[in-house]
Amino acid sequence: MRVLRTPEERFAGLPDFGYEPRYADADGLRLAYVEAGPPGGEPVLLLHGEPSWSFLYRKVIPVLAAAGLRVIAADLIGFGRSDKPAQIADHSYARHVEWIRVFAFEALGLRDVTLVGQDWGGLIGLRLVAEHPDRFARVVAANTGLPTGDQPMPEVWLRFRELVRTAPALSVSRLVQSGCQAALPPAVLAAYDAPFPDPSYAAAIRAMPDLVPATPDDPASAANRAAWRQLAAWDKPFLVAFSDRDPITGPMAPVLKRTVPGAADRHHPLLEGAGHFLQEDAGEELGAIIADFIRAT
């Protein structure tokens, strides 16, 4: 496997993200993350999705840290400061689940974790919750889901997949901006482009849409069906915190609410005026929701 590593100078001057990067081994690859809050606080694992990185959580992190929580925001392999396998074929759903498993449980030894997963952060994180339920205390699902390919994907997502498959050049900042309601300032847009100095670094971006199970016979469909069976027995606290302007994941919210026992008899907030990347449009509000949920449970 040929692996690329983004030069550190690409990350100079990040707005509102002055955290010192930390690194852990994930099956021989360097996985980057940042931490905030007291080391002895309850651990909260923040997982981002396509095509962002932990920078996405910069408005959420300080709210959680101020609440006395140990905040861990990871960069998925292929994103942010993490190592970037250079071939699209290097990436699979199973590998991404395993990389985060090794990082969270073997490298960091996390237990009693609150998972916060958005986009691919949920596709990966919910698999881990289902497969290692003893490691998790609660879950916050934010604009995410666990597709099996048994239901048709939204047309807007199919268009996105085709764009990523076929566009001669990809602008990560434009992809992120398209999922936000607010206009992002130039320094923020530059921060989303920073991990990818040239197209050779972007194999994960190209790969991820095709790894989402979109047909019943997808390689990940059986594992995701098994995960749903486990989630249907999950009675620990489960919060569905979606935004109201995300046509991609919106239909998954009611499915999670009615399927997961831990979501029953709970108020599930709807963040108004926020797009797919609700951390950008309503980050402080999302942080307060997460902190209140942890306090209450």
C-alpha atoms as a PDB file:
ATOM      1  CA  MET A   1       0.000   0.000   0.000  1.00  0.00           C
ATOM      2  CA  ARG A   2       1.401   3.377  -1.009  1.00  0.00           C
ATOM      3  CA  VAL A   3       0.644   5.941   1.688  1.00  0.00           C
ATOM      4  CA  LEU A   4       0.815   9.725   1.471  1.00  0.00           C
ATOM      5  CA  ARG A   5       1.114  12.127   4.387  1.00  0.00           C
ATOM      6  CA  THR A   6       0.051  15.762   4.078  1.00  0.00           C
ATOM      7  CA  PRO A   7       2.899  18.164   4.956  1.00  0.00           C
ATOM      8  CA  GLU A   8       2.263  19.790   8.325  1.00  0.00           C
ATOM      9  CA  GLU A   9       2.748  23.284   6.924  1.00  0.00           C
ATOM     10  CA  ARG A  10      -0.516  22.868   5.034  1.00  0.00           C
ATOM     11  CA  PHE A  11      -2.285  23.172   8.405  1.00  0.00           C
ATOM     12  CA  ALA A  12      -0.668  26.421   9.525  1.00  0.00           C
ATOM     13  CA  GLY A  13      -3.000  29.156  10.718  1.00  0.00           C
ATOM     14  CA  LEU A  14      -6.208  27.144  10.953  1.00  0.00           C
ATOM     15  CA  PRO A  15      -9.013  29.418  12.189  1.00  0.00           C
ATOM     16  CA  ASP A  16     -10.335  28.541  15.674  1.00  0.00           C
ATOM     17  CA  PHE A  17      -8.545  25.193  15.634  1.00  0.00           C
ATOM     18  CA  GLY A  18      -5.325  25.643  17.537  1.00  0.00           C
ATOM     19  CA  TYR A  19      -5.294  22.171  19.072  1.00  0.00           C
ATOM     20  CA  GLU A  20      -2.024  20.296  19.078  1.00  0.00           C
ATOM     21  CA  PRO A  21      -2.355  17.263  16.810  1.00  0.00           C
ATOM     22  CA  ARG A  22      -1.834  13.847  18.314  1.00  0.00           C
ATOM     23  CA  TYR A  23      -1.182  10.602  16.517  1.00  0.00           C
ATOM     24  CA  ALA A  24      -1.924   6.928  17.065  1.00  0.00           C
ATOM     25  CA  ASP A  25      -1.128   3.755  15.164  1.00  0.00           C
ATOM     26  CA  ALA A  26      -4.028   2.116  13.331  1.00  0.00           C
ATOM     27  CA  ASP A  27      -2.819  -1.096  11.721  1.00  0.00           C
ATOM     28  CA  GLY A  28       0.403   0.534  10.619  1.00  0.00           C
ATOM     29  CA  LEU A  29      -1.125   3.815   9.510  1.00  0.00           C
ATOM     30  CA  ARG A  30      -0.845   7.101  11.392  1.00  0.00           C
ATOM     31  CA  LEU A  31      -4.257   8.275  12.536  1.00  0.00           C
ATOM     32  CA  ALA A  32      -4.456  11.883  13.706  1.00  0.00           C
ATOM     33  CA  TYR A  33      -6.732  13.319  16.354  1.00  0.00           C
ATOM     34  CA  VAL A  34      -7.090  16.249  18.725  1.00  0.00           C
ATOM     35  CA  GLU A  35      -8.155  16.263  22.361  1.00  0.00           C
ATOM     36  CA  ALA A  36      -9.673  18.891  24.630  1.00  0.00           C
ATOM     37  CA  GLY A  37     -11.163  18.968  28.103  1.00  0.00           C
ATOM     38  CA  PRO A  38     -10.002  17.207  31.275  1.00  0.00           C
ATOM     39  CA  PRO A  39      -8.207  13.885  30.642  1.00  0.00           C
ATOM     40  CA  GLY A  40     -10.334  12.264  33.339  1.00  0.00           C
ATOM     41  CA  GLY A  41     -13.645  13.401  31.923  1.00  0.00           C
ATOM     42  CA  GLU A  42     -16.153  11.111  30.254  1.00  0.00           C
ATOM     43  CA  PRO A  43     -14.830  10.390  26.755  1.00  0.00           C
ATOM     44  CA  VAL A  44     -16.729  11.734  23.757  1.00  0.00           C
ATOM     45  CA  LEU A  45     -15.587  10.442  20.375  1.00  0.00           C
ATOM     46  CA  LEU A  46     -16.393  12.793  17.490  1.00  0.00           C
ATOM     47  CA  LEU A  47     -16.333  11.186  14.045  1.00  0.00           C
ATOM     48  CA  HIS A  48     -16.661  13.222  10.864  1.00  0.00           C
ATOM     49  CA  GLY A  49     -17.568  12.101   7.357  1.00  0.00           C
ATOM     50  CA  GLU A  50     -16.959  12.721   3.675  1.00  0.00           C
ATOM     51  CA  PRO A  51     -15.044  14.875   2.682  1.00  0.00           C
ATOM     52  CA  SER A  52     -14.327  16.780   5.920  1.00  0.00           C
ATOM     53  CA  TRP A  53     -12.011  16.202   8.886  1.00  0.00           C
ATOM     54  CA  SER A  54     -11.932  16.918  12.629  1.00  0.00           C
ATOM     55  CA  PHE A  55     -11.771  20.654  11.856  1.00  0.00           C
ATOM     56  CA  LEU A  56     -15.517  20.312  11.221  1.00  0.00           C
ATOM     57  CA  TYR A  57     -16.071  20.012  15.000  1.00  0.00           C
ATOM     58  CA  ARG A  58     -14.195  23.182  16.003  1.00  0.00           C
ATOM     59  CA  LYS A  59     -17.418  24.863  17.224  1.00  0.00           C
ATOM     60  CA  VAL A  60     -18.553  21.755  19.110  1.00  0.00           C
ATOM     61  CA  ILE A  61     -15.306  20.882  20.894  1.00  0.00           C
ATOM     62  CA  PRO A  62     -15.048  23.898  23.243  1.00  0.00           C
ATOM     63  CA  VAL A  63     -18.666  23.516  24.391  1.00  0.00           C
ATOM     64  CA  LEU A  64     -18.063  19.887  25.362  1.00  0.00           C
ATOM     65  CA  ALA A  65     -14.690  20.620  26.956  1.00  0.00           C
ATOM     66  CA  ALA A  66     -16.257  23.390  29.055  1.00  0.00           C
ATOM     67  CA  ALA A  67     -18.788  20.824  30.271  1.00  0.00           C
ATOM     68  CA  GLY A  68     -15.944  18.757  31.743  1.00  0.00           C
ATOM     69  CA  LEU A  69     -15.857  16.112  29.027  1.00  0.00           C
ATOM     70  CA  ARG A  70     -12.796  14.536  27.434  1.00  0.00           C
ATOM     71  CA  VAL A  71     -13.284  15.346  23.773  1.00  0.00           C
ATOM     72  CA  ILE A  72     -11.533  13.256  21.110  1.00  0.00           C
ATOM     73  CA  ALA A  73     -11.993  14.327  17.501  1.00  0.00           C
ATOM     74  CA  ALA A  74     -10.413  11.887  15.059  1.00  0.00           C
ATOM     75  CA  ASP A  75      -9.441  12.217  11.412  1.00  0.00           C
ATOM     76  CA  LEU A  76     -10.558   9.192   9.433  1.00  0.00           C
ATOM     77  CA  ILE A  77      -7.789   7.495   7.484  1.00  0.00           C
ATOM     78  CA  GLY A  78      -7.497   9.337   4.178  1.00  0.00           C
ATOM     79  CA  PHE A  79      -8.643  12.656   5.670  1.00  0.00           C
ATOM     80  CA  GLY A  80      -7.222  15.559   7.669  1.00  0.00           C
ATOM     81  CA  ARG A  81      -3.783  14.922   9.110  1.00  0.00           C
ATOM     82  CA  SER A  82      -4.209  11.142   8.991  1.00  0.00           C
ATOM     83  CA  ASP A  83      -2.276   8.997   6.532  1.00  0.00           C
ATOM     84  CA  LYS A  84      -3.773   8.711   3.062  1.00  0.00           C
ATOM     85  CA  PRO A  85      -3.665   5.377   1.254  1.00  0.00           C
ATOM     86  CA  ALA A  86      -3.126   6.493  -2.327  1.00  0.00           C
ATOM     87  CA  GLN A  87      -5.256   4.015  -4.255  1.00  0.00           C
ATOM     88  CA  ILE A  88      -9.051   3.981  -4.296  1.00  0.00           C
ATOM     89  CA  ALA A  89      -8.902   0.197  -3.931  1.00  0.00           C
ATOM     90  CA  ASP A  90      -7.049   0.626  -0.617  1.00  0.00           C
ATOM     91  CA  HIS A  91     -10.312   1.806   0.941  1.00  0.00           C
ATOM     92  CA  SER A  92     -13.170  -0.415   2.027  1.00  0.00           C
ATOM     93  CA  TYR A  93     -15.986  -0.015   4.528  1.00  0.00           C
ATOM     94  CA  ALA A  94     -14.588  -2.871   6.615  1.00  0.00           C
ATOM     95  CA  ARG A  95     -11.118  -1.340   6.677  1.00  0.00           C
ATOM     96  CA  HIS A  96     -12.429   2.038   7.849  1.00  0.00           C
ATOM     97  CA  VAL A  97     -14.382   0.381  10.653  1.00  0.00           C
ATOM     98  CA  GLU A  98     -11.291  -1.568  11.674  1.00  0.00           C
ATOM     99  CA  TRP A  99      -9.007   1.478  11.581  1.00  0.00           C
ATOM    100  CA  ILE A 100     -11.271   3.362  13.992  1.00  0.00           C
ATOM    101  CA  ARG A 101     -11.727   0.272  16.176  1.00  0.00           C
ATOM    102  CA  VAL A 102      -7.977  -0.120  16.571  1.00  0.00           C
ATOM    103  CA  PHE A 103      -7.566   3.603  17.240  1.00  0.00           C
ATOM    104  CA  ALA A 104     -10.338   3.911  19.826  1.00  0.00           C
ATOM    105  CA  PHE A 105     -10.029   0.614  21.686  1.00  0.00           C
ATOM    106  CA  GLU A 106      -6.438  -0.558  21.257  1.00  0.00           C
ATOM    107  CA  ALA A 107      -4.461   2.672  20.893  1.00  0.00           C
ATOM    108  CA  LEU A 108      -6.525   4.861  23.258  1.00  0.00           C
ATOM    109  CA  GLY A 109      -8.201   2.123  25.326  1.00  0.00           C
ATOM    110  CA  LEU A 110     -11.496   4.005  25.427  1.00  0.00           C
ATOM    111  CA  ARG A 111     -14.441   2.726  27.463  1.00  0.00           C
ATOM    112  CA  ASP A 112     -17.831   4.172  28.379  1.00  0.00           C
ATOM    113  CA  VAL A 113     -17.653   6.250  25.225  1.00  0.00           C
ATOM    114  CA  THR A 114     -20.262   8.671  23.961  1.00  0.00           C
ATOM    115  CA  LEU A 115     -20.193   8.369  20.177  1.00  0.00           C
ATOM    116  CA  VAL A 116     -21.082  11.395  18.072  1.00  0.00           C
ATOM    117  CA  GLY A 117     -21.231  10.382  14.428  1.00  0.00           C
ATOM    118  CA  GLN A 118     -22.157  12.463  11.402  1.00  0.00           C
ATOM    119  CA  ASP A 119     -22.208  11.245   7.795  1.00  0.00           C
ATOM    120  CA  TRP A 120     -19.545   8.479   7.497  1.00  0.00           C
ATOM    121  CA  GLY A 121     -18.805   9.043  11.178  1.00  0.00           C
ATOM    122  CA  GLY A 122     -22.125   7.359  11.843  1.00  0.00           C
ATOM    123  CA  LEU A 123     -21.744   4.660   9.214  1.00  0.00           C
ATOM    124  CA  ILE A 124     -18.489   3.673  10.905  1.00  0.00           C
ATOM    125  CA  GLY A 125     -19.427   4.510  14.482  1.00  0.00           C
ATOM    126  CA  LEU A 126     -22.785   2.722  14.510  1.00  0.00           C
ATOM    127  CA  ARG A 127     -21.087  -0.412  13.260  1.00  0.00           C
ATOM    128  CA  LEU A 128     -18.679  -0.198  16.196  1.00  0.00           C
ATOM    129  CA  VAL A 129     -21.531   0.369  18.636  1.00  0.00           C
ATOM    130  CA  ALA A 130     -23.315  -2.700  17.314  1.00  0.00           C
ATOM    131  CA  GLU A 131     -20.199  -4.871  17.281  1.00  0.00           C
ATOM    132  CA  HIS A 132     -18.702  -3.645  20.593  1.00  0.00           C
ATOM    133  CA  PRO A 133     -21.675  -2.466  22.671  1.00  0.00           C
ATOM    134  CA  ASP A 134     -19.826  -2.853  25.959  1.00  0.00           C
ATOM    135  CA  ARG A 135     -17.449  -0.037  24.982  1.00  0.00           C
ATOM    136  CA  PHE A 136     -20.156   2.609  24.576  1.00  0.00           C
ATOM    137  CA  ALA A 137     -22.282   4.462  27.103  1.00  0.00           C
ATOM    138  CA  ARG A 138     -24.504   6.388  24.708  1.00  0.00           C
ATOM    139  CA  VAL A 139     -24.845   7.515  21.093  1.00  0.00           C
ATOM    140  CA  VAL A 140     -25.615  10.771  19.306  1.00  0.00           C
ATOM    141  CA  ALA A 141     -26.527  10.229  15.653  1.00  0.00           C
ATOM    142  CA  ALA A 142     -26.319  13.494  13.723  1.00  0.00           C
ATOM    143  CA  ASN A 143     -27.251  13.502  10.022  1.00  0.00           C
ATOM    144  CA  THR A 144     -26.164   9.947   9.460  1.00  0.00           C
ATOM    145  CA  GLY A 145     -27.486   6.434   9.043  1.00  0.00           C
ATOM    146  CA  LEU A 146     -26.635   2.821   8.402  1.00  0.00           C
ATOM    147  CA  PRO A 147     -27.705   1.915   4.858  1.00  0.00           C
ATOM    148  CA  THR A 148     -27.967  -1.708   3.805  1.00  0.00           C
ATOM    149  CA  GLY A 149     -28.874  -1.271   0.131  1.00  0.00           C
ATOM    150  CA  ASP A 150     -32.323  -2.731   0.750  1.00  0.00           C
ATOM    151  CA  GLN A 151     -33.952   0.675   0.268  1.00  0.00           C
ATOM    152  CA  PRO A 152     -33.225   3.068  -2.638  1.00  0.00           C
ATOM    153  CA  MET A 153     -30.821   5.882  -1.895  1.00  0.00           C
ATOM    154  CA  PRO A 154     -32.071   9.480  -2.320  1.00  0.00           C
ATOM    155  CA  GLU A 155     -31.674  10.929  -5.788  1.00  0.00           C
ATOM    156  CA  VAL A 156     -29.608  13.804  -4.418  1.00  0.00           C
ATOM    157  CA  TRP A 157     -27.115  11.315  -3.023  1.00  0.00           C
ATOM    158  CA  LEU A 158     -26.938   9.413  -6.319  1.00  0.00           C
ATOM    159  CA  ARG A 159     -26.087  12.692  -8.068  1.00  0.00           C
ATOM    160  CA  PHE A 160     -23.380  13.365  -5.486  1.00  0.00           C
ATOM    161  CA  ARG A 161     -21.919   9.889  -6.010  1.00  0.00           C
ATOM    162  CA  GLU A 162     -21.824  10.395  -9.762  1.00  0.00           C
ATOM    163  CA  LEU A 163     -20.134  13.772  -9.359  1.00  0.00           C
ATOM    164  CA  VAL A 164     -17.389  12.310  -7.157  1.00  0.00           C
ATOM    165  CA  ARG A 165     -16.960   9.396  -9.554  1.00  0.00           C
ATOM    166  CA  THR A 166     -16.653  11.462 -12.717  1.00  0.00           C
ATOM    167  CA  ALA A 167     -15.499  15.024 -11.971  1.00  0.00           C
ATOM    168  CA  PRO A 168     -12.017  15.564 -13.436  1.00  0.00           C
ATOM    169  CA  ALA A 169     -11.078  17.632 -10.381  1.00  0.00           C
ATOM    170  CA  LEU A 170     -12.681  17.786  -6.950  1.00  0.00           C
ATOM    171  CA  SER A 171     -12.829  20.866  -4.743  1.00  0.00           C
ATOM    172  CA  VAL A 172     -13.305  19.692  -1.180  1.00  0.00           C
ATOM    173  CA  SER A 173     -14.207  23.171   0.005  1.00  0.00           C
ATOM    174  CA  ARG A 174     -16.960  23.415  -2.617  1.00  0.00           C
ATOM    175  CA  LEU A 175     -18.348  20.038  -1.580  1.00  0.00           C
ATOM    176  CA  VAL A 176     -18.458  21.133   2.061  1.00  0.00           C
ATOM    177  CA  GLN A 177     -19.957  24.510   1.187  1.00  0.00           C
ATOM    178  CA  SER A 178     -22.690  22.787  -0.818  1.00  0.00           C
ATOM    179  CA  GLY A 179     -23.743  20.978   2.368  1.00  0.00           C
ATOM    180  CA  CYS A 180     -23.952  24.157   4.475  1.00  0.00           C
ATOM    181  CA  GLN A 181     -26.623  26.820   4.691  1.00  0.00           C
ATOM    182  CA  ALA A 182     -24.233  29.569   5.801  1.00  0.00           C
ATOM    183  CA  ALA A 183     -21.534  30.960   3.524  1.00  0.00           C
ATOM    184  CA  LEU A 184     -18.144  29.821   4.798  1.00  0.00           C
ATOM    185  CA  PRO A 185     -15.331  32.395   4.984  1.00  0.00           C
ATOM    186  CA  PRO A 186     -12.221  31.949   2.816  1.00  0.00           C
ATOM    187  CA  ALA A 187     -10.029  30.779   5.718  1.00  0.00           C
ATOM    188  CA  VAL A 188     -12.506  28.017   6.576  1.00  0.00           C
ATOM    189  CA  LEU A 189     -12.770  26.916   2.958  1.00  0.00           C
ATOM    190  CA  ALA A 190      -8.970  26.800   2.786  1.00  0.00           C
ATOM    191  CA  ALA A 191      -8.881  24.618   5.909  1.00  0.00           C
ATOM    192  CA  TYR A 192     -11.077  22.020   4.206  1.00  0.00           C
ATOM    193  CA  ASP A 193      -8.784  22.000   1.178  1.00  0.00           C
ATOM    194  CA  ALA A 194      -5.619  21.852   3.296  1.00  0.00           C
ATOM    195  CA  PRO A 195      -5.341  18.040   3.684  1.00  0.00           C
ATOM    196  CA  PHE A 196      -5.239  17.548  -0.095  1.00  0.00           C
ATOM    197  CA  PRO A 197      -2.267  19.315  -1.741  1.00  0.00           C
ATOM    198  CA  ASP A 198      -3.018  17.662  -5.080  1.00  0.00           C
ATOM    199  CA  PRO A 199      -5.400  15.025  -6.481  1.00  0.00           C
ATOM    200  CA  SER A 200      -3.084  12.154  -5.551  1.00  0.00           C
ATOM    201  CA  TYR A 201      -4.046  12.671  -1.889  1.00  0.00           C
ATOM    202  CA  ALA A 202      -7.790  12.365  -2.560  1.00  0.00           C
ATOM    203  CA  ALA A 203      -8.283   8.607  -3.001  1.00  0.00           C
ATOM    204  CA  ALA A 204     -10.508   8.419   0.102  1.00  0.00           C
ATOM    205  CA  ILE A 205     -12.753  11.194  -1.204  1.00  0.00           C
ATOM    206  CA  ARG A 206     -13.163   9.346  -4.490  1.00  0.00           C
ATOM    207  CA  ALA A 207     -13.669   6.007  -2.751  1.00  0.00           C
ATOM    208  CA  MET A 208     -16.173   6.740   0.009  1.00  0.00           C
ATOM    209  CA  PRO A 209     -19.408   7.254  -1.989  1.00  0.00           C
ATOM    210  CA  ASP A 210     -18.972   3.892  -3.697  1.00  0.00           C
ATOM    211  CA  LEU A 211     -18.452   2.211  -0.307  1.00  0.00           C
ATOM    212  CA  VAL A 212     -21.957   3.179   0.875  1.00  0.00           C
ATOM    213  CA  PRO A 213     -24.170   0.094   0.443  1.00  0.00           C
ATOM    214  CA  ALA A 214     -26.571   1.097  -2.340  1.00  0.00           C
ATOM    215  CA  THR A 215     -27.645  -2.387  -3.465  1.00  0.00           C
ATOM    216  CA  PRO A 216     -28.678  -5.419  -1.384  1.00  0.00           C
ATOM    217  CA  ASP A 217     -25.626  -7.402  -2.476  1.00  0.00           C
ATOM    218  CA  ASP A 218     -23.068  -4.746  -1.581  1.00  0.00           C
ATOM    219  CA  PRO A 219     -20.013  -6.165   0.251  1.00  0.00           C
ATOM    220  CA  ALA A 220     -21.008  -4.267   3.421  1.00  0.00           C
ATOM    221  CA  SER A 221     -24.740  -4.976   3.333  1.00  0.00           C
ATOM    222  CA  ALA A 222     -24.687  -8.139   5.439  1.00  0.00           C
ATOM    223  CA  ALA A 223     -22.555  -6.538   8.161  1.00  0.00           C
ATOM    224  CA  ASN A 224     -24.857  -3.515   8.279  1.00  0.00           C
ATOM    225  CA  ARG A 225     -27.946  -5.713   8.509  1.00  0.00           C
ATOM    226  CA  ALA A 226     -26.323  -7.515  11.413  1.00  0.00           C
ATOM    227  CA  ALA A 227     -25.585  -4.141  13.005  1.00  0.00           C
ATOM    228  CA  TRP A 228     -29.242  -3.139  12.714  1.00  0.00           C
ATOM    229  CA  ARG A 229     -30.225  -6.326  14.529  1.00  0.00           C
ATOM    230  CA  GLN A 230     -27.905  -5.365  17.377  1.00  0.00           C
ATOM    231  CA  LEU A 231     -29.092  -1.752  17.413  1.00  0.00           C
ATOM    232  CA  ALA A 232     -32.667  -3.015  17.664  1.00  0.00           C
ATOM    233  CA  ALA A 233     -31.667  -4.329  21.098  1.00  0.00           C
ATOM    234  CA  TRP A 234     -29.639  -1.261  22.178  1.00  0.00           C
ATOM    235  CA  ASP A 235     -31.306   0.123  25.295  1.00  0.00           C
ATOM    236  CA  LYS A 236     -28.602   2.562  26.368  1.00  0.00           C
ATOM    237  CA  PRO A 237     -29.303   6.263  25.708  1.00  0.00           C
ATOM    238  CA  PHE A 238     -29.531   7.082  21.995  1.00  0.00           C
ATOM    239  CA  LEU A 239     -30.166  10.593  20.678  1.00  0.00           C
ATOM    240  CA  VAL A 240     -31.140  11.504  17.121  1.00  0.00           C
ATOM    241  CA  ALA A 241     -29.950  15.089  16.553  1.00  0.00           C
ATOM    242  CA  PHE A 242     -30.559  15.907  12.892  1.00  0.00           C
ATOM    243  CA  SER A 243     -30.883  19.191  11.066  1.00  0.00           C
ATOM    244  CA  ASP A 244     -33.968  20.181   9.097  1.00  0.00           C
ATOM    245  CA  ARG A 245     -32.211  20.868   5.792  1.00  0.00           C
ATOM    246  CA  ASP A 246     -30.385  17.695   4.877  1.00  0.00           C
ATOM    247  CA  PRO A 247     -32.147  15.816   2.065  1.00  0.00           C
ATOM    248  CA  ILE A 248     -29.491  13.084   2.090  1.00  0.00           C
ATOM    249  CA  THR A 249     -29.857  11.697   5.611  1.00  0.00           C
ATOM    250  CA  GLY A 250     -33.163  13.184   6.738  1.00  0.00           C
ATOM    251  CA  PRO A 251     -35.223  10.039   6.027  1.00  0.00           C
ATOM    252  CA  MET A 252     -32.989   8.024   8.372  1.00  0.00           C
ATOM    253  CA  ALA A 253     -34.014   9.988  11.486  1.00  0.00           C
ATOM    254  CA  PRO A 254     -37.452   8.386  11.976  1.00  0.00           C
ATOM    255  CA  VAL A 255     -35.991   4.935  11.279  1.00  0.00           C
ATOM    256  CA  LEU A 256     -33.430   5.346  14.059  1.00  0.00           C
ATOM    257  CA  LYS A 257     -36.023   6.716  16.462  1.00  0.00           C
ATOM    258  CA  ARG A 258     -38.442   3.825  16.026  1.00  0.00           C
ATOM    259  CA  THR A 259     -35.846   1.035  15.771  1.00  0.00           C
ATOM    260  CA  VAL A 260     -33.419   1.709  18.623  1.00  0.00           C
ATOM    261  CA  PRO A 261     -34.951   1.084  22.085  1.00  0.00           C
ATOM    262  CA  GLY A 262     -32.616   3.622  23.657  1.00  0.00           C
ATOM    263  CA  ALA A 263     -34.228   6.323  21.522  1.00  0.00           C
ATOM    264  CA  ALA A 264     -37.744   5.673  22.855  1.00  0.00           C
ATOM    265  CA  ASP A 265     -39.514   8.206  25.078  1.00  0.00           C
ATOM    266  CA  ARG A 266     -36.838  10.805  24.436  1.00  0.00           C
ATOM    267  CA  HIS A 267     -37.000  14.307  23.003  1.00  0.00           C
ATOM    268  CA  HIS A 268     -34.951  14.327  19.811  1.00  0.00           C
ATOM    269  CA  PRO A 269     -33.974  17.853  18.770  1.00  0.00           C
ATOM    270  CA  LEU A 270     -34.261  19.139  15.216  1.00  0.00           C
ATOM    271  CA  LEU A 271     -31.642  21.800  14.509  1.00  0.00           C
ATOM    272  CA  GLU A 272     -33.408  24.389  12.396  1.00  0.00           C
ATOM    273  CA  GLY A 273     -31.785  26.175   9.496  1.00  0.00           C
ATOM    274  CA  ALA A 274     -28.795  23.822   9.332  1.00  0.00           C
ATOM    275  CA  GLY A 275     -27.635  21.753   6.377  1.00  0.00           C
ATOM    276  CA  HIS A 276     -25.867  18.424   6.064  1.00  0.00           C
ATOM    277  CA  PHE A 277     -22.813  19.783   7.867  1.00  0.00           C
ATOM    278  CA  LEU A 278     -24.758  20.872  10.918  1.00  0.00           C
ATOM    279  CA  GLN A 279     -21.491  21.327  12.831  1.00  0.00           C
ATOM    280  CA  GLU A 280     -20.826  24.352  10.608  1.00  0.00           C
ATOM    281  CA  ASP A 281     -24.322  25.801  10.644  1.00  0.00           C
ATOM    282  CA  ALA A 282     -25.225  25.067  14.289  1.00  0.00           C
ATOM    283  CA  GLY A 283     -22.060  23.823  15.977  1.00  0.00           C
ATOM    284  CA  GLU A 284     -22.488  25.544  19.333  1.00  0.00           C
ATOM    285  CA  GLU A 285     -26.125  24.410  19.511  1.00  0.00           C
ATOM    286  CA  LEU A 286     -25.123  20.841  18.702  1.00  0.00           C
ATOM    287  CA  GLY A 287     -22.420  20.983  21.376  1.00  0.00           C
ATOM    288  CA  ALA A 288     -24.935  22.138  23.983  1.00  0.00           C
ATOM    289  CA  ILE A 289     -27.365  19.384  22.963  1.00  0.00           C
ATOM    290  CA  ILE A 290     -24.661  16.731  23.347  1.00  0.00           C
ATOM    291  CA  ALA A 291     -23.519  18.084  26.718  1.00  0.00           C
ATOM    292  CA  ASP A 292     -27.087  18.248  28.052  1.00  0.00           C
ATOM    293  CA  PHE A 293     -27.772  14.713  26.824  1.00  0.00           C
ATOM    294  CA  ILE A 294     -24.717  13.362  28.632  1.00  0.00           C
ATOM    295  CA  ARG A 295     -25.621  15.215  31.846  1.00  0.00           C
ATOM    296  CA  ALA A 296     -29.178  13.892  31.719  1.00  0.00           C
ATOM    297  CA  THR A 297     -28.186  10.282  31.150  1.00  0.00           C
END
